Amino acid sequence: MTIYGYARVSTAGQSLNEQKETLKNAGAEMILSEKYSGTTTVRPQFEKLVAIIEPNDTLIVTKLDRFARNTREALNLINDLLKEKIMIKVLNLGTIDNTPMGRMIVRTLLSVAEME
């Protein structure tokens, strides 16, 4: 069981250091990171992460909006990971679980993040 971290910032001028340090302190053993806007579908490191993560591994992100560009994309991704028995931890939220209440909380928070 590997604990992965994923960090992303939206512009080249932003630093990944704070997210990486936070993920490391949360137990991430391997951290993949990139500087890409949330509006682009090009996220090579995230695609690599999705390809290598396995059942019973854990994925940690600092905030829910690091996952995807919009609510629909994030929900699809989260559902796919949960189906594969991958634990998802969002540090400012907690563990996302595959229950009706867990799914409702995620949908609500993603909608708010998209609106911002």
C-alpha atoms as a PDB file:
ATOM      1  CA  MET A   1       0.000   0.000   0.000  1.00  0.00           C
ATOM      2  CA  THR A   2       1.512   3.245  -1.179  1.00  0.00           C
ATOM      3  CA  ILE A   3       0.475   6.712  -0.075  1.00  0.00           C
ATOM      4  CA  TYR A   4       0.593   9.148  -2.983  1.00  0.00           C
ATOM      5  CA  GLY A   5       0.298  12.903  -2.866  1.00  0.00           C
ATOM      6  CA  TYR A   6      -0.719  15.178  -5.709  1.00  0.00           C
ATOM      7  CA  ALA A   7       0.023  18.894  -5.787  1.00  0.00           C
ATOM      8  CA  ARG A   8      -0.996  21.373  -8.445  1.00  0.00           C
ATOM      9  CA  VAL A   9      -0.813  25.119  -8.838  1.00  0.00           C
ATOM     10  CA  SER A  10      -2.478  27.075 -11.605  1.00  0.00           C
ATOM     11  CA  THR A  11       0.301  29.361 -12.789  1.00  0.00           C
ATOM     12  CA  ALA A  12       4.026  29.041 -13.377  1.00  0.00           C
ATOM     13  CA  GLY A  13       4.646  31.848 -10.883  1.00  0.00           C
ATOM     14  CA  GLN A  14       3.085  29.958  -7.981  1.00  0.00           C
ATOM     15  CA  SER A  15       5.099  27.665  -5.747  1.00  0.00           C
ATOM     16  CA  LEU A  16       4.380  23.998  -5.105  1.00  0.00           C
ATOM     17  CA  ASN A  17       6.574  23.933  -1.992  1.00  0.00           C
ATOM     18  CA  GLU A  18       3.827  24.510   0.575  1.00  0.00           C
ATOM     19  CA  GLN A  19       1.554  21.819  -0.872  1.00  0.00           C
ATOM     20  CA  LYS A  20       4.433  19.346  -1.143  1.00  0.00           C
ATOM     21  CA  GLU A  21       5.494  19.944   2.449  1.00  0.00           C
ATOM     22  CA  THR A  22       1.903  19.577   3.656  1.00  0.00           C
ATOM     23  CA  LEU A  23       1.486  16.315   1.710  1.00  0.00           C
ATOM     24  CA  LYS A  24       4.779  14.980   3.052  1.00  0.00           C
ATOM     25  CA  ASN A  25       3.736  15.817   6.621  1.00  0.00           C
ATOM     26  CA  ALA A  26       0.431  14.009   5.997  1.00  0.00           C
ATOM     27  CA  GLY A  27       2.309  10.811   5.130  1.00  0.00           C
ATOM     28  CA  ALA A  28       2.678  10.934   1.350  1.00  0.00           C
ATOM     29  CA  GLU A  29       5.508   8.642   0.296  1.00  0.00           C
ATOM     30  CA  MET A  30       5.519   9.692  -3.348  1.00  0.00           C
ATOM     31  CA  ILE A  31       4.395  13.139  -4.491  1.00  0.00           C
ATOM     32  CA  LEU A  32       3.577  14.023  -8.070  1.00  0.00           C
ATOM     33  CA  SER A  33       3.165  17.694  -8.887  1.00  0.00           C
ATOM     34  CA  GLU A  34       2.686  20.082 -11.759  1.00  0.00           C
ATOM     35  CA  LYS A  35       1.944  23.644 -12.724  1.00  0.00           C
ATOM     36  CA  TYR A  36      -1.143  23.638 -14.918  1.00  0.00           C
ATOM     37  CA  SER A  37      -4.279  25.703 -14.901  1.00  0.00           C
ATOM     38  CA  GLY A  38      -7.433  23.973 -13.764  1.00  0.00           C
ATOM     39  CA  THR A  39      -8.913  24.959 -17.120  1.00  0.00           C
ATOM     40  CA  THR A  40      -6.647  22.636 -19.092  1.00  0.00           C
ATOM     41  CA  THR A  41      -7.076  18.931 -19.588  1.00  0.00           C
ATOM     42  CA  VAL A  42      -3.316  18.497 -19.935  1.00  0.00           C
ATOM     43  CA  ARG A  43      -2.061  17.179 -16.613  1.00  0.00           C
ATOM     44  CA  PRO A  44       0.666  14.604 -17.363  1.00  0.00           C
ATOM     45  CA  GLN A  45       1.656  13.993 -13.755  1.00  0.00           C
ATOM     46  CA  PHE A  46      -1.929  13.444 -12.666  1.00  0.00           C
ATOM     47  CA  GLU A  47      -2.461  11.052 -15.576  1.00  0.00           C
ATOM     48  CA  LYS A  48       0.694   9.204 -14.500  1.00  0.00           C
ATOM     49  CA  LEU A  49      -0.623   9.001 -10.947  1.00  0.00           C
ATOM     50  CA  VAL A  50      -3.966   7.567 -12.049  1.00  0.00           C
ATOM     51  CA  ALA A  51      -2.104   4.989 -14.145  1.00  0.00           C
ATOM     52  CA  ILE A  52       0.155   3.761 -11.324  1.00  0.00           C
ATOM     53  CA  ILE A  53      -2.110   3.935  -8.288  1.00  0.00           C
ATOM     54  CA  GLU A  54      -3.463   0.545  -7.224  1.00  0.00           C
ATOM     55  CA  PRO A  55      -6.272  -0.829  -5.040  1.00  0.00           C
ATOM     56  CA  ASN A  56      -5.687  -0.190  -1.335  1.00  0.00           C
ATOM     57  CA  ASP A  57      -3.328   2.713  -2.080  1.00  0.00           C
ATOM     58  CA  THR A  58      -4.108   6.177  -0.745  1.00  0.00           C
ATOM     59  CA  LEU A  59      -4.260   9.461  -2.643  1.00  0.00           C
ATOM     60  CA  ILE A  60      -3.836  12.670  -0.658  1.00  0.00           C
ATOM     61  CA  VAL A  61      -4.548  16.183  -1.942  1.00  0.00           C
ATOM     62  CA  THR A  62      -4.526  19.393   0.054  1.00  0.00           C
ATOM     63  CA  LYS A  63      -7.863  20.644  -1.269  1.00  0.00           C
ATOM     64  CA  LEU A  64     -10.702  19.158  -3.279  1.00  0.00           C
ATOM     65  CA  ASP A  65     -10.226  21.569  -6.190  1.00  0.00           C
ATOM     66  CA  ARG A  66      -6.790  20.050  -6.943  1.00  0.00           C
ATOM     67  CA  PHE A  67      -8.572  17.052  -8.497  1.00  0.00           C
ATOM     68  CA  ALA A  68     -10.186  18.462 -11.589  1.00  0.00           C
ATOM     69  CA  ARG A  69     -11.367  21.421 -13.662  1.00  0.00           C
ATOM     70  CA  ASN A  70     -15.026  21.115 -12.793  1.00  0.00           C
ATOM     71  CA  THR A  71     -17.544  19.270 -10.659  1.00  0.00           C
ATOM     72  CA  ARG A  72     -18.464  16.620 -13.236  1.00  0.00           C
ATOM     73  CA  GLU A  73     -14.862  15.689 -13.978  1.00  0.00           C
ATOM     74  CA  ALA A  74     -14.008  15.497 -10.268  1.00  0.00           C
ATOM     75  CA  LEU A  75     -17.048  13.359  -9.464  1.00  0.00           C
ATOM     76  CA  ASN A  76     -16.210  10.918 -12.258  1.00  0.00           C
ATOM     77  CA  LEU A  77     -12.612  10.700 -11.132  1.00  0.00           C
ATOM     78  CA  ILE A  78     -13.508  10.260  -7.454  1.00  0.00           C
ATOM     79  CA  ASN A  79     -16.085   7.591  -8.297  1.00  0.00           C
ATOM     80  CA  ASP A  80     -13.546   5.706 -10.440  1.00  0.00           C
ATOM     81  CA  LEU A  81     -10.945   5.800  -7.661  1.00  0.00           C
ATOM     82  CA  LEU A  82     -13.411   4.688  -5.001  1.00  0.00           C
ATOM     83  CA  LYS A  83     -14.555   1.782  -7.205  1.00  0.00           C
ATOM     84  CA  GLU A  84     -10.912   0.689  -7.381  1.00  0.00           C
ATOM     85  CA  LYS A  85     -10.767   0.731  -3.554  1.00  0.00           C
ATOM     86  CA  ILE A  86      -8.376   3.678  -3.486  1.00  0.00           C
ATOM     87  CA  MET A  87      -8.654   5.782  -0.347  1.00  0.00           C
ATOM     88  CA  ILE A  88      -8.933   9.510  -1.009  1.00  0.00           C
ATOM     89  CA  LYS A  89      -7.888  11.977   1.668  1.00  0.00           C
ATOM     90  CA  VAL A  90      -8.492  15.679   1.239  1.00  0.00           C
ATOM     91  CA  LEU A  91      -6.551  17.434   3.956  1.00  0.00           C
ATOM     92  CA  ASN A  92      -8.949  20.332   4.484  1.00  0.00           C
ATOM     93  CA  LEU A  93     -11.975  18.001   4.378  1.00  0.00           C
ATOM     94  CA  GLY A  94     -11.152  14.485   5.530  1.00  0.00           C
ATOM     95  CA  THR A  95     -11.477  11.068   3.955  1.00  0.00           C
ATOM     96  CA  ILE A  96     -13.922  10.710   1.080  1.00  0.00           C
ATOM     97  CA  ASP A  97     -15.950   7.573   1.486  1.00  0.00           C
ATOM     98  CA  ASN A  98     -18.269   5.766  -0.886  1.00  0.00           C
ATOM     99  CA  THR A  99     -21.500   6.363   1.030  1.00  0.00           C
ATOM    100  CA  PRO A 100     -24.561   8.451   0.138  1.00  0.00           C
ATOM    101  CA  MET A 101     -23.559  11.097   2.710  1.00  0.00           C
ATOM    102  CA  GLY A 102     -19.942  11.106   1.536  1.00  0.00           C
ATOM    103  CA  ARG A 103     -21.008  11.555  -2.083  1.00  0.00           C
ATOM    104  CA  MET A 104     -23.422  14.368  -1.159  1.00  0.00           C
ATOM    105  CA  ILE A 105     -20.726  16.254   0.749  1.00  0.00           C
ATOM    106  CA  VAL A 106     -18.295  15.936  -2.155  1.00  0.00           C
ATOM    107  CA  ARG A 107     -20.871  17.149  -4.700  1.00  0.00           C
ATOM    108  CA  THR A 108     -21.745  20.144  -2.552  1.00  0.00           C
ATOM    109  CA  LEU A 109     -18.141  21.144  -1.922  1.00  0.00           C
ATOM    110  CA  LEU A 110     -17.133  20.700  -5.563  1.00  0.00           C
ATOM    111  CA  SER A 111     -20.019  22.898  -6.670  1.00  0.00           C
ATOM    112  CA  VAL A 112     -18.882  25.637  -4.299  1.00  0.00           C
ATOM    113  CA  ALA A 113     -15.262  25.309  -5.440  1.00  0.00           C
ATOM    114  CA  GLU A 114     -16.305  25.519  -9.098  1.00  0.00           C
ATOM    115  CA  MET A 115     -18.334  28.646  -8.398  1.00  0.00           C
ATOM    116  CA  GLU A 116     -15.323  30.345  -6.799  1.00  0.00           C
END
